[in-house]
Protein backbone atom coordinates (compact mmCIF):
# COMPACT_ATOMS: atom_id res chain seq x y z
CA MET A 1 128.39 71.91 149.76
CA LYS A 2 124.73 72.87 150.11
CA LYS A 3 125.67 76.34 148.38
CA LYS A 4 127.61 74.17 145.57
CA ALA A 5 124.09 72.25 144.85
CA GLU A 6 121.83 75.38 145.13
CA ALA A 7 124.24 76.64 142.33
CA ALA A 8 124.18 73.56 140.01
CA GLY A 9 120.22 73.56 140.34
CA ARG A 10 119.74 76.95 139.32
CA ARG A 11 122.28 76.30 136.37
CA ALA A 12 120.70 76.89 132.86
CA SER A 13 119.65 73.33 131.39
CA PRO A 14 121.36 72.71 127.56
CA LEU A 15 118.34 73.72 125.67
CA GLN A 16 118.46 77.17 127.52
CA GLU A 17 121.79 77.57 126.61
CA ALA A 18 121.47 76.83 123.11
CA ALA A 19 118.49 79.35 122.93
CA ASP A 20 120.47 82.17 124.78
CA ARG A 21 123.23 81.77 122.59
CA PHE A 22 120.87 81.15 119.29
CA PHE A 23 118.75 84.99 120.17
CA LYS A 24 122.04 87.43 121.15
CA ILE A 25 120.85 90.63 120.27
CA ARG A 26 122.74 91.94 117.26
CA GLU A 27 125.33 89.47 117.14
CA GLU A 28 127.59 89.08 113.98
CA VAL A 29 126.94 86.01 112.20
CA ARG A 30 129.80 84.31 110.52
CA PRO A 31 129.32 83.47 106.72
CA LEU A 32 128.85 79.86 107.09
CA PRO A 33 126.40 79.72 110.20
CA ARG A 34 124.96 82.72 107.73
CA LEU A 35 124.43 80.25 105.02
CA LEU A 36 123.30 77.47 106.93
CA LEU A 37 120.60 79.00 108.36
CA GLY A 38 119.36 80.73 105.53
CA LEU A 39 119.06 77.38 103.86
CA LEU A 40 117.32 75.99 106.43
CA PRO A 41 113.90 77.39 105.72
CA ILE A 42 114.30 76.55 102.25
CA LEU A 43 114.98 72.89 103.02
CA CYS A 44 111.81 72.64 105.27
CA ILE A 45 109.50 74.30 102.42
CA LEU A 46 110.79 71.82 100.01
CA GLY A 47 110.59 69.01 102.74
CA ILE A 48 106.73 69.52 103.08
CA TRP A 49 106.25 70.24 99.27
CA LEU A 50 107.69 66.75 98.46
CA LEU A 51 105.57 65.45 101.37
CA LEU A 52 102.27 66.76 100.07
CA THR A 53 103.12 65.70 96.64
CA HIS A 54 104.33 62.29 97.16
CA GLY A 55 102.91 59.24 95.37
CA ARG A 56 100.30 58.86 92.37
CA ALA A 57 97.95 61.84 92.06
CA GLU A 58 95.20 60.33 93.32
CA ASN A 59 96.83 59.75 96.56
CA ARG A 60 98.44 63.09 97.21
CA VAL A 61 97.53 65.29 100.27
CA VAL A 62 97.49 67.87 97.69
CA SER A 63 95.96 67.60 93.98
CA PRO A 64 98.58 68.32 91.52
CA LEU A 65 96.12 70.46 89.85
CA ILE A 66 96.53 72.69 92.48
CA LEU A 67 100.14 71.94 93.47
CA PRO A 68 102.55 70.02 91.53
CA SER A 69 105.50 68.17 92.87
CA PRO A 70 109.17 69.56 92.24
CA SER A 71 110.19 67.07 89.50
CA GLU A 72 106.83 67.79 87.52
CA VAL A 73 107.65 71.38 87.96
CA LEU A 74 111.18 70.68 86.69
CA ARG A 75 110.20 68.44 83.66
CA SER A 76 108.00 71.62 82.31
CA VAL A 77 110.69 73.84 81.84
CA ARG A 78 111.11 72.38 78.20
CA SER A 79 108.09 73.58 77.44
CA LEU A 80 108.12 76.70 79.47
CA TRP A 81 111.04 77.83 77.29
CA PHE A 82 109.58 76.85 74.16
CA GLU A 83 106.03 76.77 74.03
CA ALA A 84 105.60 79.69 76.38
CA GLU A 85 108.36 81.36 74.93
CA LEU A 86 110.00 82.42 78.07
CA SER A 87 112.61 84.49 76.72
CA ARG A 88 110.62 86.64 74.68
CA SER A 89 107.82 87.07 77.70
CA VAL A 90 111.11 88.21 79.95
CA LEU A 91 112.40 90.88 77.25
CA ALA A 92 108.73 92.15 76.72
CA SER A 93 108.09 92.56 80.88
CA ALA A 94 111.33 94.07 81.09
CA MET A 95 110.52 96.71 78.71
CA ARG A 96 107.82 97.26 80.15
CA VAL A 97 109.37 97.81 83.66
CA VAL A 98 112.10 100.06 82.58
CA GLY A 99 109.69 102.35 80.85
CA GLY A 100 107.48 102.81 83.32
CA PHE A 101 110.13 103.37 85.85
CA ALA A 102 111.61 105.92 83.77
CA ILE A 103 108.19 107.94 83.78
CA GLY A 104 107.55 107.34 87.29
CA LEU A 105 111.30 108.55 88.02
CA ALA A 106 111.28 111.66 85.70
CA CYS A 107 108.24 112.75 87.81
CA ALA A 108 109.07 111.49 91.14
CA PHE A 109 112.44 113.00 91.40
CA PRO A 110 112.20 116.45 90.72
CA LEU A 111 108.80 116.58 92.99
CA GLY A 112 110.57 114.57 96.02
CA VAL A 113 113.64 117.09 95.79
CA LEU A 114 111.60 119.97 95.72
CA MET A 115 109.24 118.56 98.54
CA GLY A 116 112.00 117.70 100.89
CA SER A 117 113.67 121.22 100.15
CA PHE A 118 111.22 123.67 100.46
CA SER A 119 108.33 123.59 102.92
CA ASN A 120 105.90 125.43 101.25
CA VAL A 121 106.02 122.82 98.24
CA ARG A 122 105.85 119.97 100.90
CA ALA A 123 102.68 121.46 101.94
CA LEU A 124 101.06 122.17 98.66
CA PHE A 125 101.81 118.30 97.59
CA SER A 126 101.47 116.49 100.84
CA PRO A 127 97.61 115.71 100.99
CA LEU A 128 98.35 114.41 97.54
CA ALA A 129 101.26 112.26 98.55
CA THR A 130 99.59 110.68 101.49
CA PHE A 131 96.43 110.06 99.26
CA GLY A 132 99.01 108.08 97.34
CA ALA A 133 100.76 106.23 99.99
CA TYR A 134 97.46 104.80 101.16
CA LEU A 135 96.16 103.91 97.83
CA PRO A 136 96.22 100.43 96.96
CA ILE A 137 98.18 99.52 94.01
CA PRO A 138 95.54 97.16 92.05
CA THR A 139 93.34 99.85 92.12
CA LEU A 140 95.15 101.49 89.82
CA VAL A 141 94.50 98.98 86.87
CA PRO A 142 90.85 99.81 86.45
CA LEU A 143 91.90 103.34 86.62
CA THR A 144 94.61 103.11 83.77
CA MET A 145 92.29 101.21 81.70
CA SER A 146 89.74 103.70 81.71
CA LEU A 147 92.26 106.22 81.14
CA PHE A 148 94.59 104.66 78.37
CA GLY A 149 92.58 101.85 77.38
CA ILE A 150 93.89 98.15 76.96
CA GLY A 151 96.99 98.60 75.05
CA GLU A 152 100.81 98.70 75.79
CA PHE A 153 100.66 102.21 76.69
CA GLN A 154 98.23 101.61 79.67
CA LYS A 155 100.66 99.14 81.09
CA ILE A 156 103.63 101.21 81.33
CA MET A 157 101.44 103.99 82.75
CA PHE A 158 100.18 101.50 85.23
CA LEU A 159 103.87 100.93 85.97
CA ALA A 160 104.89 104.56 86.04
CA LEU A 161 102.22 105.15 88.74
CA ALA A 162 102.83 102.53 90.61
CA PHE A 163 106.66 103.69 90.63
CA PHE A 164 105.76 107.09 91.18
CA VAL A 165 103.83 106.27 94.20
CA TYR A 166 106.64 104.23 95.67
CA LEU A 167 109.70 106.83 95.16
CA LEU A 168 107.93 109.95 95.99
CA PRO A 169 108.12 109.57 99.61
CA LEU A 170 111.54 107.97 99.43
CA PHE A 171 113.00 110.93 97.85
CA VAL A 172 111.40 113.39 100.07
CA LYS A 173 113.00 111.54 102.94
CA ALA A 174 116.14 111.54 101.63
CA VAL A 175 116.65 115.53 100.78
CA ASP A 176 114.76 115.93 104.30
CA GLY A 177 117.49 113.79 106.20
CA VAL A 178 120.10 116.11 105.45
CA ASP A 179 121.16 117.98 108.59
CA ASN A 180 120.84 121.67 108.94
CA VAL A 181 124.43 121.72 109.65
CA TYR A 182 125.20 121.78 106.25
CA LEU A 183 122.73 124.19 105.01
CA GLN A 184 123.79 126.68 108.23
CA THR A 185 127.42 125.96 106.78
CA ALA A 186 126.89 126.77 103.29
CA TYR A 187 124.82 130.03 104.38
CA THR A 188 127.65 130.85 105.94
CA LEU A 189 130.27 130.54 103.34
CA GLY A 190 127.80 132.58 101.12
CA ALA A 191 125.77 129.69 99.09
CA GLY A 192 122.77 130.94 97.40
CA ARG A 193 119.45 128.93 97.58
CA TRP A 194 120.05 127.18 94.40
CA GLN A 195 123.70 126.37 95.10
CA VAL A 196 122.57 125.01 98.29
CA LEU A 197 120.00 122.93 96.64
CA ARG A 198 122.21 121.53 93.94
CA ARG A 199 125.43 121.14 95.97
CA VAL A 200 124.08 120.61 99.61
CA LEU A 201 120.66 119.05 99.59
CA LEU A 202 121.06 117.07 96.35
CA GLY A 203 124.51 116.35 96.70
CA ILE A 204 124.53 114.99 100.34
CA SER A 205 121.22 113.25 99.59
CA LEU A 206 122.06 111.67 96.61
CA PRO A 207 123.28 108.05 97.52
CA GLN A 208 120.07 107.71 99.61
CA ILE A 209 117.96 108.74 96.38
CA PHE A 210 120.14 106.18 94.38
CA ARG A 211 119.06 103.48 96.96
CA ALA A 212 115.46 104.36 96.53
CA MET A 213 115.64 104.18 93.39
CA ARG A 214 117.26 100.59 93.57
CA LEU A 215 114.38 99.46 95.95
CA GLY A 216 112.15 101.14 93.56
CA PHE A 217 113.07 99.10 90.59
CA GLY A 218 113.02 95.91 92.39
CA ILE A 219 109.38 96.45 93.54
CA GLY A 220 108.35 96.99 89.80
CA TRP A 221 108.94 93.39 89.17
CA THR A 222 106.03 92.38 91.81
CA TYR A 223 103.93 94.85 89.99
CA ILE A 224 104.59 93.53 86.70
CA ILE A 225 101.68 90.62 86.98
CA LEU A 226 99.16 92.98 87.89
CA ALA A 227 100.38 95.16 84.62
CA GLU A 228 99.99 92.39 82.25
CA MET A 229 96.87 90.84 83.53
CA VAL A 230 94.58 92.39 80.92
CA ALA A 231 94.97 91.73 76.90
CA ALA A 232 98.92 91.25 77.00
CA ASP A 233 100.00 89.45 73.83
CA ARG A 234 103.50 88.64 75.89
CA GLY A 235 104.85 88.85 79.22
CA LEU A 236 105.69 86.81 82.54
CA GLY A 237 102.37 87.70 83.74
CA THR A 238 100.58 86.68 80.73
CA ILE A 239 102.02 83.18 81.20
CA ILE A 240 100.64 82.89 84.63
CA ILE A 241 97.29 84.02 83.70
CA VAL A 242 97.28 81.27 80.73
CA ALA A 243 98.52 78.57 83.02
CA GLN A 244 96.39 79.11 85.66
CA ARG A 245 93.10 79.11 83.31
CA ARG A 246 94.53 76.60 80.90
CA GLY A 247 97.59 75.24 82.18
CA PRO A 248 100.04 73.35 82.92
CA ARG A 249 99.97 74.58 86.36
CA GLU A 250 104.09 74.20 86.88
CA HIS A 251 104.31 77.08 84.68
CA ILE A 252 102.93 79.46 87.25
CA TYR A 253 105.56 78.21 89.81
CA LEU A 254 108.19 78.54 87.17
CA VAL A 255 107.22 82.17 86.30
CA LEU A 256 107.52 83.07 89.69
CA LEU A 257 111.06 81.72 90.32
CA ALA A 258 112.11 83.43 86.85
CA ILE A 259 110.78 86.70 88.43
CA VAL A 260 112.51 86.41 91.94
CA VAL A 261 115.78 85.69 89.91
CA ILE A 262 115.38 88.51 87.80
CA ALA A 263 114.68 90.80 90.61
CA TYR A 264 117.82 89.42 92.19
CA VAL A 265 120.02 90.00 89.50
CA THR A 266 118.97 93.50 88.40
CA ASP A 267 119.54 94.35 92.40
CA ARG A 268 122.95 93.00 92.15
CA ILE A 269 123.53 94.92 89.01
CA TRP A 270 122.02 98.34 91.09
CA ALA A 271 124.41 97.38 94.02
CA ARG A 272 127.58 97.30 91.85
CA LEU A 273 126.58 100.45 90.28
CA GLU A 274 126.19 102.08 93.78
CA ARG A 275 129.25 100.85 94.93
CA VAL A 276 131.09 102.52 91.83
CA LEU A 277 129.24 105.75 91.94
CA PHE A 278 129.38 106.13 96.15
CA PRO A 279 132.30 104.02 96.97
CA TYR A 280 132.63 106.60 100.53
CA VAL A 281 128.72 105.53 101.49
CA GLU A 282 128.66 102.08 103.55
CA GLN A 283 126.85 99.49 101.74
CA PRO A 284 124.11 97.60 102.97
């Protein structure tokens, strides 16, 4: 009896048992619990938002000039769409992102493949790549303004440099990650240097390169605000700057939400294309 009492005393409390179940390492979570867990922090944020913005303007914890209520944000959708021309701004920003991505990719892809394949090329460009990796992206705004002016070309080149800095180390890592076993096998079968580069290094690393492109394109939507800070006639960043200076502040939160939605939708398109091109690769 004494041993049973001691065992009962050592039994974990319900709170401890719940914590042990919740913090299991790498446990597979079923779809419904995953959905509920993902909604929980969102609902908490909405609850705090409602609490801080409840009541009349003079009685609120946070002034509506700083943080409007959710209902006020929803009511401003009409003015954002018609007065601020949201659809045209989305199109203008998308054209800048696509143009900058195309230029950055055209420069980063060949250089990344060469650096990942040839040690001397990597040694030649590693100092510049390291410098770019530690370079704060916002500093590229005044740099591109001094080089390219303040017109449309400056915005595209800013995005191109930002994409280049982000994509280059990912491309190098993808090519460098190809196992030497494949290289030795190709050389044993009589393949030449450029055949190894094209069929082995590039062929095997292409799915990882494509995934890096997918991630980089999504990151580009976080740079668009910086690109459109100065002298932009239209764009999502322009709407935010105008709303910050002249109002309404509700447009800031709606545009941020629009950027998140656009980035998510484009990421899903990239993911679908990835499954079509590389069906043999396990998807994240």
